Amino acid sequence: MERGSSDLDIAVEAVRSGASIAVAKGGRLLASRDGHSVRPLIELLSEVGDELQGASVADKVLGRAAALVLADNPDIYMVHGVVMSAHGKEALESAGIPYSFDRLVDFILNRTGDGMCPIEQMSLRYREPRDFVAAMREMYLRRG
């Protein structure tokens, strides 16, 4: 088994065991986080920092917003979404990031399940990953 796929297996196992997001590299889990939306992902990737180069990432719910955050980190080796939206899949393809998923959905639902997730909807307004990430960081700074 190649290095990247075993790292991805480690990250996927962490997510299936309860984490929302996990990053693995070199045969070990570097970090994992729980939470909703893309804030935990942004924080986790920042925490991992330079070790992100060549790392694999698994995310419980990977929509376009998460895919844009990942695309803003071109050093990521591969990504897995337990649930992935078609918009997220397209964003990863555009960024040239190898991916896999368990289940592909049209879009990520909001918490009440009656429409599109507002962060996924917001992400549709952005072409460039760095612009979306900058907007998210600004929004989270305002919220605290």
N, C-alpha and C. Protein backbone atom coordinates (compact mmCIF):
# COMPACT_ATOMS: atom_id res chain seq x y z
N MET A 1 0.85 -1.18 0.00
CA MET A 1 0.00 0.00 0.00
C MET A 1 0.89 1.23 0.00
N GLU A 2 0.57 2.21 -0.84
CA GLU A 2 1.41 3.40 -0.92
C GLU A 2 1.23 4.29 0.31
N ARG A 3 2.23 5.14 0.53
CA ARG A 3 2.27 6.01 1.71
C ARG A 3 0.99 6.82 1.88
N GLY A 4 0.57 7.50 0.82
CA GLY A 4 -0.59 8.38 0.91
C GLY A 4 -1.86 7.66 1.30
N SER A 5 -2.08 6.47 0.72
CA SER A 5 -3.32 5.77 1.02
C SER A 5 -3.34 5.26 2.45
N SER A 6 -2.20 4.85 3.01
CA SER A 6 -2.22 4.41 4.41
C SER A 6 -2.45 5.60 5.33
N ASP A 7 -1.89 6.76 4.99
CA ASP A 7 -2.17 7.97 5.77
C ASP A 7 -3.64 8.33 5.68
N LEU A 8 -4.18 8.20 4.48
CA LEU A 8 -5.60 8.50 4.31
C LEU A 8 -6.45 7.53 5.14
N ASP A 9 -6.07 6.27 5.17
CA ASP A 9 -6.79 5.29 5.98
C ASP A 9 -6.78 5.69 7.46
N ILE A 10 -5.66 6.19 7.93
CA ILE A 10 -5.55 6.63 9.33
C ILE A 10 -6.49 7.79 9.59
N ALA A 11 -6.50 8.77 8.68
CA ALA A 11 -7.37 9.95 8.84
C ALA A 11 -8.85 9.53 8.77
N VAL A 12 -9.18 8.67 7.83
CA VAL A 12 -10.57 8.20 7.69
C VAL A 12 -11.01 7.47 8.95
N GLU A 13 -10.15 6.62 9.49
CA GLU A 13 -10.50 5.88 10.72
C GLU A 13 -10.78 6.84 11.88
N ALA A 14 -9.99 7.91 11.98
CA ALA A 14 -10.22 8.90 13.04
C ALA A 14 -11.58 9.56 12.89
N VAL A 15 -11.97 9.85 11.64
CA VAL A 15 -13.28 10.46 11.40
C VAL A 15 -14.39 9.45 11.68
N ARG A 16 -14.22 8.25 11.28
CA ARG A 16 -15.25 7.22 11.53
C ARG A 16 -15.36 6.89 13.01
N SER A 17 -14.32 7.23 13.78
CA SER A 17 -14.33 7.01 15.23
C SER A 17 -14.85 8.21 16.01
N GLY A 18 -15.28 9.26 15.30
CA GLY A 18 -15.91 10.37 15.99
C GLY A 18 -15.39 11.75 15.70
N ALA A 19 -14.21 11.90 15.13
CA ALA A 19 -13.70 13.23 14.79
C ALA A 19 -14.46 13.78 13.59
N SER A 20 -14.54 15.08 13.47
CA SER A 20 -15.14 15.70 12.29
C SER A 20 -14.13 15.80 11.16
N ILE A 21 -12.88 16.09 11.53
CA ILE A 21 -11.80 16.27 10.57
C ILE A 21 -10.54 15.64 11.14
N ALA A 22 -9.72 15.05 10.28
CA ALA A 22 -8.46 14.46 10.73
C ALA A 22 -7.40 14.61 9.65
N VAL A 23 -6.16 14.79 10.11
CA VAL A 23 -5.01 14.91 9.21
C VAL A 23 -3.98 13.88 9.63
N ALA A 24 -3.47 13.11 8.64
CA ALA A 24 -2.45 12.09 8.92
C ALA A 24 -1.30 12.23 7.93
N LYS A 25 -0.12 11.88 8.41
CA LYS A 25 1.08 11.91 7.57
C LYS A 25 2.12 11.02 8.21
N GLY A 26 2.91 10.37 7.37
CA GLY A 26 4.00 9.54 7.88
C GLY A 26 3.54 8.39 8.73
N GLY A 27 2.34 7.88 8.46
CA GLY A 27 1.83 6.75 9.20
C GLY A 27 1.27 7.07 10.58
N ARG A 28 1.05 8.38 10.85
CA ARG A 28 0.49 8.74 12.16
C ARG A 28 -0.54 9.85 12.01
N LEU A 29 -1.43 9.90 12.97
CA LEU A 29 -2.44 10.96 13.03
C LEU A 29 -1.77 12.22 13.55
N LEU A 30 -1.76 13.30 12.76
CA LEU A 30 -1.15 14.56 13.19
C LEU A 30 -2.09 15.35 14.08
N ALA A 31 -3.37 15.38 13.71
CA ALA A 31 -4.34 16.15 14.48
C ALA A 31 -5.75 15.78 14.04
N SER A 32 -6.71 16.03 14.92
CA SER A 32 -8.12 15.85 14.57
C SER A 32 -8.92 16.87 15.35
N ARG A 33 -10.11 17.14 14.88
CA ARG A 33 -10.99 18.13 15.51
C ARG A 33 -12.43 17.70 15.36
N ASP A 34 -13.24 18.21 16.26
CA ASP A 34 -14.68 18.06 16.17
C ASP A 34 -15.26 19.44 15.90
N GLY A 35 -16.47 19.49 15.40
CA GLY A 35 -17.14 20.76 15.20
C GLY A 35 -17.91 20.79 13.90
N HIS A 36 -18.56 21.92 13.68
CA HIS A 36 -19.41 22.11 12.50
C HIS A 36 -18.82 23.20 11.62
N SER A 37 -19.20 23.17 10.37
CA SER A 37 -18.81 24.16 9.37
C SER A 37 -17.32 24.07 9.08
N VAL A 38 -16.75 25.12 8.51
CA VAL A 38 -15.34 25.07 8.08
C VAL A 38 -14.38 25.64 9.11
N ARG A 39 -14.88 26.23 10.16
CA ARG A 39 -13.97 26.82 11.16
C ARG A 39 -13.00 25.78 11.74
N PRO A 40 -13.46 24.61 12.18
CA PRO A 40 -12.51 23.62 12.71
C PRO A 40 -11.48 23.20 11.67
N LEU A 41 -11.88 23.14 10.41
CA LEU A 41 -10.94 22.77 9.35
C LEU A 41 -9.87 23.85 9.18
N ILE A 42 -10.28 25.10 9.14
CA ILE A 42 -9.32 26.20 9.01
C ILE A 42 -8.36 26.19 10.19
N GLU A 43 -8.90 26.02 11.40
CA GLU A 43 -8.05 26.00 12.60
C GLU A 43 -7.10 24.80 12.59
N LEU A 44 -7.60 23.65 12.20
CA LEU A 44 -6.78 22.44 12.17
C LEU A 44 -5.64 22.56 11.17
N LEU A 45 -5.92 23.06 9.98
CA LEU A 45 -4.87 23.20 8.97
C LEU A 45 -3.83 24.21 9.41
N SER A 46 -4.27 25.25 10.08
CA SER A 46 -3.33 26.24 10.61
C SER A 46 -2.46 25.62 11.69
N GLU A 47 -3.06 24.82 12.55
CA GLU A 47 -2.34 24.14 13.64
C GLU A 47 -1.27 23.18 13.10
N VAL A 48 -1.60 22.45 12.05
CA VAL A 48 -0.68 21.48 11.48
C VAL A 48 0.47 22.20 10.77
N GLY A 49 0.19 23.33 10.17
CA GLY A 49 1.22 24.18 9.56
C GLY A 49 2.08 23.49 8.53
N ASP A 50 3.39 23.55 8.71
CA ASP A 50 4.34 23.02 7.73
C ASP A 50 4.24 21.51 7.55
N GLU A 51 3.71 20.82 8.53
CA GLU A 51 3.57 19.36 8.41
C GLU A 51 2.48 18.97 7.42
N LEU A 52 1.72 19.95 6.94
CA LEU A 52 0.63 19.68 6.02
C LEU A 52 1.13 19.18 4.66
N GLN A 53 2.36 19.52 4.31
CA GLN A 53 2.90 19.09 3.02
C GLN A 53 2.94 17.56 2.96
N GLY A 54 2.19 17.03 1.98
CA GLY A 54 2.14 15.59 1.79
C GLY A 54 1.18 14.86 2.71
N ALA A 55 0.40 15.59 3.51
CA ALA A 55 -0.53 14.97 4.44
C ALA A 55 -1.84 14.60 3.75
N SER A 56 -2.57 13.68 4.35
CA SER A 56 -3.89 13.28 3.89
C SER A 56 -4.93 13.76 4.89
N VAL A 57 -6.09 14.17 4.37
CA VAL A 57 -7.14 14.76 5.19
C VAL A 57 -8.44 13.99 4.99
N ALA A 58 -9.14 13.72 6.08
CA ALA A 58 -10.49 13.14 6.00
C ALA A 58 -11.44 14.11 6.70
N ASP A 59 -12.62 14.26 6.12
CA ASP A 59 -13.64 15.16 6.65
C ASP A 59 -14.97 14.44 6.64
N LYS A 60 -15.71 14.56 7.73
CA LYS A 60 -17.00 13.88 7.83
C LYS A 60 -17.98 14.41 6.78
N VAL A 61 -18.03 15.73 6.60
CA VAL A 61 -18.93 16.37 5.65
C VAL A 61 -18.12 17.36 4.83
N LEU A 62 -17.88 17.02 3.57
CA LEU A 62 -17.00 17.82 2.74
C LEU A 62 -17.78 18.45 1.59
N GLY A 63 -18.18 19.70 1.81
CA GLY A 63 -18.86 20.47 0.78
C GLY A 63 -17.89 21.37 0.06
N ARG A 64 -18.43 22.27 -0.74
CA ARG A 64 -17.57 23.17 -1.51
C ARG A 64 -16.76 24.08 -0.60
N ALA A 65 -17.34 24.52 0.51
CA ALA A 65 -16.62 25.39 1.44
C ALA A 65 -15.35 24.70 1.94
N ALA A 66 -15.48 23.47 2.42
CA ALA A 66 -14.32 22.72 2.90
C ALA A 66 -13.34 22.46 1.76
N ALA A 67 -13.86 22.15 0.59
CA ALA A 67 -12.98 21.88 -0.56
C ALA A 67 -12.17 23.12 -0.92
N LEU A 68 -12.77 24.30 -0.83
CA LEU A 68 -12.03 25.53 -1.12
C LEU A 68 -10.94 25.77 -0.07
N VAL A 69 -11.24 25.48 1.18
CA VAL A 69 -10.23 25.61 2.24
C VAL A 69 -9.08 24.66 1.96
N LEU A 70 -9.39 23.44 1.57
CA LEU A 70 -8.35 22.46 1.25
C LEU A 70 -7.56 22.89 0.00
N ALA A 71 -8.27 23.42 -0.99
CA ALA A 71 -7.61 23.87 -2.22
C ALA A 71 -6.67 25.04 -1.96
N ASP A 72 -6.90 25.78 -0.89
CA ASP A 72 -6.02 26.89 -0.52
C ASP A 72 -4.74 26.38 0.13
N ASN A 73 -4.65 25.08 0.30
CA ASN A 73 -3.48 24.41 0.88
C ASN A 73 -2.98 23.38 -0.13
N PRO A 74 -2.24 23.81 -1.15
CA PRO A 74 -1.89 22.92 -2.25
C PRO A 74 -0.94 21.79 -1.88
N ASP A 75 -0.43 21.79 -0.65
CA ASP A 75 0.50 20.74 -0.24
C ASP A 75 -0.19 19.47 0.22
N ILE A 76 -1.52 19.47 0.26
CA ILE A 76 -2.27 18.29 0.71
C ILE A 76 -2.15 17.19 -0.35
N TYR A 77 -1.87 15.98 0.12
CA TYR A 77 -1.65 14.86 -0.78
C TYR A 77 -2.96 14.27 -1.32
N MET A 78 -3.90 14.01 -0.42
CA MET A 78 -5.19 13.48 -0.84
C MET A 78 -6.24 13.72 0.25
N VAL A 79 -7.51 13.61 -0.16
CA VAL A 79 -8.63 13.96 0.71
C VAL A 79 -9.72 12.90 0.59
N HIS A 80 -10.41 12.66 1.70
CA HIS A 80 -11.58 11.77 1.70
C HIS A 80 -12.73 12.47 2.42
N GLY A 81 -13.90 12.41 1.83
CA GLY A 81 -15.11 12.90 2.47
C GLY A 81 -16.05 11.74 2.73
N VAL A 82 -16.48 11.59 3.97
CA VAL A 82 -17.46 10.55 4.24
C VAL A 82 -18.72 10.88 3.45
N VAL A 83 -19.15 12.14 3.54
CA VAL A 83 -20.20 12.68 2.67
C VAL A 83 -19.56 13.84 1.92
N MET A 84 -19.69 13.84 0.60
CA MET A 84 -19.11 14.90 -0.22
C MET A 84 -20.19 15.44 -1.15
N SER A 85 -20.21 16.76 -1.29
CA SER A 85 -21.16 17.35 -2.23
C SER A 85 -20.57 17.38 -3.63
N ALA A 86 -21.43 17.43 -4.62
CA ALA A 86 -20.98 17.55 -6.01
C ALA A 86 -20.15 18.83 -6.18
N HIS A 87 -20.54 19.90 -5.49
CA HIS A 87 -19.78 21.16 -5.56
C HIS A 87 -18.38 20.97 -4.95
N GLY A 88 -18.30 20.23 -3.88
CA GLY A 88 -17.00 19.96 -3.25
C GLY A 88 -16.12 19.13 -4.17
N LYS A 89 -16.70 18.14 -4.79
CA LYS A 89 -15.98 17.27 -5.73
C LYS A 89 -15.40 18.11 -6.87
N GLU A 90 -16.20 18.99 -7.42
CA GLU A 90 -15.75 19.86 -8.52
C GLU A 90 -14.61 20.76 -8.08
N ALA A 91 -14.69 21.31 -6.87
CA ALA A 91 -13.64 22.21 -6.37
C ALA A 91 -12.33 21.45 -6.17
N LEU A 92 -12.40 20.23 -5.66
CA LEU A 92 -11.18 19.42 -5.49
C LEU A 92 -10.59 19.06 -6.85
N GLU A 93 -11.45 18.71 -7.80
CA GLU A 93 -10.96 18.41 -9.15
C GLU A 93 -10.27 19.62 -9.76
N SER A 94 -10.88 20.79 -9.62
CA SER A 94 -10.28 22.03 -10.16
C SER A 94 -8.93 22.31 -9.55
N ALA A 95 -8.76 21.97 -8.27
CA ALA A 95 -7.50 22.21 -7.57
C ALA A 95 -6.48 21.10 -7.82
N GLY A 96 -6.91 20.02 -8.46
CA GLY A 96 -6.00 18.90 -8.73
C GLY A 96 -5.67 18.08 -7.50
N ILE A 97 -6.56 18.10 -6.50
CA ILE A 97 -6.35 17.32 -5.28
C ILE A 97 -7.04 15.96 -5.43
N PRO A 98 -6.30 14.86 -5.33
CA PRO A 98 -6.93 13.54 -5.39
C PRO A 98 -7.91 13.36 -4.23
N TYR A 99 -9.03 12.73 -4.50
CA TYR A 99 -10.07 12.60 -3.47
C TYR A 99 -10.78 11.26 -3.61
N SER A 100 -11.49 10.93 -2.55
CA SER A 100 -12.41 9.79 -2.55
C SER A 100 -13.56 10.18 -1.63
N PHE A 101 -14.62 9.41 -1.69
CA PHE A 101 -15.78 9.68 -0.82
C PHE A 101 -16.56 8.39 -0.62
N ASP A 102 -17.34 8.38 0.46
CA ASP A 102 -18.24 7.26 0.70
C ASP A 102 -19.58 7.51 0.03
N ARG A 103 -20.05 8.76 0.13
CA ARG A 103 -21.38 9.10 -0.42
C ARG A 103 -21.32 10.47 -1.05
N LEU A 104 -21.79 10.58 -2.28
CA LEU A 104 -21.84 11.85 -3.00
C LEU A 104 -23.28 12.36 -2.97
N VAL A 105 -23.44 13.62 -2.59
CA VAL A 105 -24.76 14.25 -2.53
C VAL A 105 -24.75 15.49 -3.42
N ASP A 106 -25.93 15.96 -3.78
CA ASP A 106 -26.02 17.16 -4.62
C ASP A 106 -25.42 18.37 -3.91
N PHE A 107 -25.77 18.53 -2.64
CA PHE A 107 -25.25 19.64 -1.85
C PHE A 107 -25.36 19.29 -0.37
N ILE A 108 -24.62 20.03 0.44
CA ILE A 108 -24.66 19.82 1.89
C ILE A 108 -25.89 20.53 2.45
N LEU A 109 -26.65 19.82 3.26
CA LEU A 109 -27.87 20.37 3.85
C LEU A 109 -27.56 21.27 5.04
N ASN A 110 -28.46 22.21 5.29
CA ASN A 110 -28.36 23.00 6.52
C ASN A 110 -28.73 22.12 7.71
N ARG A 111 -28.58 22.64 8.90
CA ARG A 111 -28.79 21.82 10.11
C ARG A 111 -30.23 21.35 10.28
N THR A 112 -31.18 22.10 9.71
CA THR A 112 -32.58 21.66 9.81
C THR A 112 -32.97 20.71 8.68
N GLY A 113 -32.07 20.54 7.71
CA GLY A 113 -32.31 19.58 6.64
C GLY A 113 -33.29 20.02 5.59
N ASP A 114 -33.61 21.32 5.53
CA ASP A 114 -34.61 21.78 4.58
C ASP A 114 -34.05 22.72 3.50
N GLY A 115 -32.75 22.73 3.33
CA GLY A 115 -32.14 23.57 2.30
C GLY A 115 -30.63 23.43 2.32
N MET A 116 -29.98 24.20 1.47
CA MET A 116 -28.53 24.14 1.37
C MET A 116 -27.87 24.80 2.58
N CYS A 117 -26.78 24.21 3.03
CA CYS A 117 -25.97 24.77 4.10
C CYS A 117 -25.59 26.21 3.72
N PRO A 118 -25.77 27.16 4.63
CA PRO A 118 -25.47 28.56 4.28
C PRO A 118 -24.00 28.81 3.92
N ILE A 119 -23.08 28.05 4.52
CA ILE A 119 -21.66 28.24 4.19
C ILE A 119 -21.37 27.66 2.80
N GLU A 120 -21.98 26.54 2.47
CA GLU A 120 -21.82 25.99 1.12
C GLU A 120 -22.40 26.97 0.10
N GLN A 121 -23.55 27.53 0.41
CA GLN A 121 -24.18 28.50 -0.48
C GLN A 121 -23.28 29.73 -0.65
N MET A 122 -22.73 30.22 0.45
CA MET A 122 -21.82 31.37 0.40
C MET A 122 -20.59 31.06 -0.46
N SER A 123 -20.10 29.84 -0.36
CA SER A 123 -18.88 29.47 -1.10
C SER A 123 -19.08 29.55 -2.61
N LEU A 124 -20.31 29.43 -3.07
CA LEU A 124 -20.59 29.47 -4.50
C LEU A 124 -20.30 30.84 -5.11
N ARG A 125 -20.19 31.87 -4.27
CA ARG A 125 -19.90 33.23 -4.75
C ARG A 125 -18.42 33.44 -5.02
N TYR A 126 -17.57 32.48 -4.65
CA TYR A 126 -16.12 32.66 -4.76
C TYR A 126 -15.52 31.71 -5.79
N ARG A 127 -14.66 32.28 -6.65
CA ARG A 127 -13.93 31.46 -7.64
C ARG A 127 -12.60 31.00 -7.06
N GLU A 128 -11.93 31.88 -6.34
CA GLU A 128 -10.59 31.60 -5.83
C GLU A 128 -10.63 31.11 -4.38
N PRO A 129 -10.01 29.99 -4.10
CA PRO A 129 -9.99 29.48 -2.72
C PRO A 129 -9.47 30.51 -1.71
N ARG A 130 -8.40 31.23 -2.04
CA ARG A 130 -7.81 32.19 -1.08
C ARG A 130 -8.80 33.30 -0.72
N ASP A 131 -9.65 33.71 -1.68
CA ASP A 131 -10.64 34.75 -1.40
C ASP A 131 -11.72 34.23 -0.44
N PHE A 132 -12.14 32.99 -0.64
CA PHE A 132 -13.13 32.39 0.26
C PHE A 132 -12.55 32.23 1.66
N VAL A 133 -11.32 31.72 1.76
CA VAL A 133 -10.69 31.52 3.07
C VAL A 133 -10.52 32.86 3.79
N ALA A 134 -10.13 33.89 3.06
CA ALA A 134 -9.99 35.22 3.67
C ALA A 134 -11.33 35.72 4.20
N ALA A 135 -12.40 35.50 3.45
CA ALA A 135 -13.74 35.91 3.89
C ALA A 135 -14.16 35.13 5.14
N MET A 136 -13.85 33.84 5.17
CA MET A 136 -14.22 33.02 6.34
C MET A 136 -13.43 33.47 7.57
N ARG A 137 -12.14 33.70 7.41
CA ARG A 137 -11.33 34.15 8.55
C ARG A 137 -11.84 35.48 9.09
N GLU A 138 -12.20 36.38 8.21
CA GLU A 138 -12.74 37.68 8.64
C GLU A 138 -14.06 37.48 9.38
N MET A 139 -14.91 36.63 8.87
CA MET A 139 -16.19 36.36 9.52
C MET A 139 -15.97 35.78 10.92
N TYR A 140 -15.03 34.83 11.03
CA TYR A 140 -14.79 34.20 12.34
C TYR A 140 -14.13 35.17 13.30
N LEU A 141 -13.30 36.09 12.81
CA LEU A 141 -12.70 37.10 13.69
C LEU A 141 -13.77 38.02 14.27
N ARG A 142 -14.76 38.37 13.43
CA ARG A 142 -15.85 39.23 13.91
C ARG A 142 -16.68 38.52 14.97
N ARG A 143 -16.88 37.21 14.79
CA ARG A 143 -17.70 36.44 15.74
C ARG A 143 -16.95 36.10 17.01
N GLY A 144 -15.64 36.03 16.92
CA GLY A 144 -14.82 35.69 18.10
C GLY A 144 -14.60 34.25 18.31
